[in-house]
Protein backbone atom coordinates (compact mmCIF):
# COMPACT_ATOMS: atom_id res chain seq x y z
CA LEU A 1 0.00 0.00 0.00
CA LEU A 2 2.81 2.38 0.93
CA GLN A 3 4.57 1.57 -2.30
CA PHE A 4 1.35 2.40 -4.19
CA VAL A 5 1.11 5.80 -2.38
CA PHE A 6 4.75 6.61 -3.21
CA LYS A 7 4.19 5.64 -6.82
CA GLY A 8 1.14 8.00 -6.94
CA LEU A 9 3.15 10.83 -5.37
CA ASN A 10 5.96 10.24 -7.84
CA TYR A 11 3.46 10.35 -10.67
CA LEU A 12 2.02 13.67 -9.36
CA GLU A 13 5.54 15.07 -8.97
CA ASN A 14 6.25 14.18 -12.58
CA ILE A 15 3.09 15.93 -13.71
CA ALA A 16 3.97 19.00 -11.59
CA SER A 17 7.40 19.22 -13.19
CA HIS A 18 5.77 19.31 -16.64
CA VAL A 19 3.06 21.86 -15.75
CA ASP A 20 5.20 24.75 -17.00
CA GLU A 21 5.71 22.92 -20.28
CA LEU A 22 1.96 22.32 -20.54
CA VAL A 23 1.02 25.90 -19.69
CA LYS A 24 3.52 27.65 -22.00
CA PRO A 25 1.68 26.80 -25.24
CA ILE A 26 -1.65 28.07 -23.89
CA GLU A 27 -0.16 31.16 -22.21
CA PRO A 28 -0.77 33.40 -25.29
CA VAL A 29 -4.37 32.19 -25.35
CA LEU A 30 -4.72 33.00 -21.64
CA ASN A 31 -3.24 36.47 -22.23
CA LEU A 32 -5.66 37.08 -25.10
CA THR A 33 -8.50 35.88 -22.90
CA ARG A 34 -7.46 38.29 -20.15
CA ARG A 35 -7.28 41.16 -22.64
CA GLY A 36 -10.66 40.14 -24.02
CA LEU A 37 -12.14 40.11 -20.51
CA ASP A 38 -10.62 43.54 -19.83
CA ALA A 39 -12.12 44.84 -23.07
CA LEU A 40 -15.51 43.39 -22.11
CA ASP A 41 -15.24 45.03 -18.69
CA ARG A 42 -14.50 48.39 -20.33
CA ALA A 43 -17.42 47.85 -22.72
CA VAL A 44 -19.73 47.18 -19.76
CA GLN A 45 -18.48 50.34 -18.03
CA PHE A 46 -19.03 52.32 -21.23
CA GLY A 47 -22.52 50.83 -21.54
CA GLU A 48 -23.29 51.92 -17.99
CA GLN A 49 -22.05 55.44 -18.77
CA VAL A 50 -24.20 55.54 -21.92
CA GLN A 51 -27.18 54.33 -19.89
CA THR A 52 -26.59 57.08 -17.31
CA PHE A 53 -26.28 59.66 -20.08
CA LEU A 54 -29.51 58.45 -21.72
CA GLY A 55 -31.24 58.74 -18.34
CA GLN A 56 -30.03 62.34 -18.10
CA VAL A 57 -31.25 63.03 -21.65
CA GLU A 58 -34.63 61.53 -20.75
CA ASP A 59 -34.82 63.75 -17.64
CA PHE A 60 -33.90 66.78 -19.76
CA ILE A 61 -36.60 65.93 -22.34
CA THR A 62 -39.13 65.53 -19.53
CA ARG A 63 -38.17 68.91 -18.10
CA MET A 64 -38.33 70.49 -21.58
CA THR A 65 -41.79 68.96 -22.07
CA ASP A 66 -42.82 70.48 -18.75
CA VAL A 67 -41.33 73.83 -19.86
CA ASN A 68 -43.20 73.62 -23.18
CA ARG A 69 -46.43 72.87 -21.31
CA LEU A 70 -45.75 75.88 -19.09
CA ILE A 71 -45.13 78.06 -22.16
CA ASP A 72 -48.39 76.81 -23.71
CA TYR A 73 -50.23 77.58 -20.46
CA VAL A 74 -48.74 81.10 -20.30
CA GLU A 75 -49.68 81.69 -23.96
CA SER A 76 -53.24 80.55 -23.24
CA LEU A 77 -53.39 82.73 -20.14
CA LYS A 78 -52.08 85.69 -22.15
CA MET A 79 -54.81 85.20 -24.79
CA ARG A 80 -57.53 84.93 -22.14
CA LEU A 81 -56.24 88.04 -20.37
CA THR A 82 -56.11 89.92 -23.69
CA GLU A 83 -59.72 88.92 -24.42
CA PHE A 84 -60.74 89.97 -20.89
CA VAL A 85 -58.98 93.34 -21.18
CA ASP A 86 -60.43 93.93 -24.67
CA THR A 87 -63.92 93.11 -23.37
CA LYS A 88 -63.53 95.42 -20.39
CA LEU A 89 -62.14 98.20 -22.60
CA GLY A 90 -65.14 97.79 -24.89
CA GLU A 91 -67.47 98.00 -21.88
CA ILE A 92 -65.65 101.11 -20.62
CA LYS A 93 -65.90 102.75 -24.08
CA ALA A 94 -69.59 101.91 -24.23
CA LEU A 95 -70.07 103.35 -20.74
CA CYS A 96 -68.17 106.50 -21.77
CA HIS A 97 -70.34 106.90 -24.88
CA LYS A 98 -73.46 106.34 -22.78
CA THR A 99 -72.25 108.90 -20.24
CA VAL A 100 -71.54 111.40 -23.01
CA SER A 101 -74.86 110.82 -24.75
CA HIS A 102 -77.04 110.64 -21.61
CA VAL A 103 -75.28 113.02 -19.24
CA ILE A 104 -72.79 115.38 -20.86
CA GLU A 105 -74.70 116.18 -24.09
CA PRO A 106 -77.96 116.97 -22.24
CA ILE A 107 -76.02 119.23 -19.85
CA GLN A 108 -74.35 121.00 -22.80
CA LYS A 109 -77.76 121.45 -24.45
CA VAL A 110 -79.14 122.95 -21.27
CA LYS A 111 -76.16 125.31 -20.98
CA LYS A 112 -76.68 126.55 -24.56
CA VAL A 113 -80.29 127.29 -23.97
């Protein structure tokens, strides 16, 4: 049994001494794989940055939409206020004409007589 264990250890020692020889041919492949993994990592980081940027663009578009809605509301308010002022000015003019025709003109007629 002991002899069998020593034989196994000897066999493992032999394999260990040849590991460098076995690894050398695949070392360039391992280096390429590492570089490929690094490139993938950078691509993922870039993708995350692009995703963050797109989120910022989306927020900006949302804010601009809100600004455009506000501009539309102000424009609508301006038109309504203009209509209101025009209506009130018309009423004031009508009142002035009424005052002139019903109050001032009769007084002037009385003064002339």
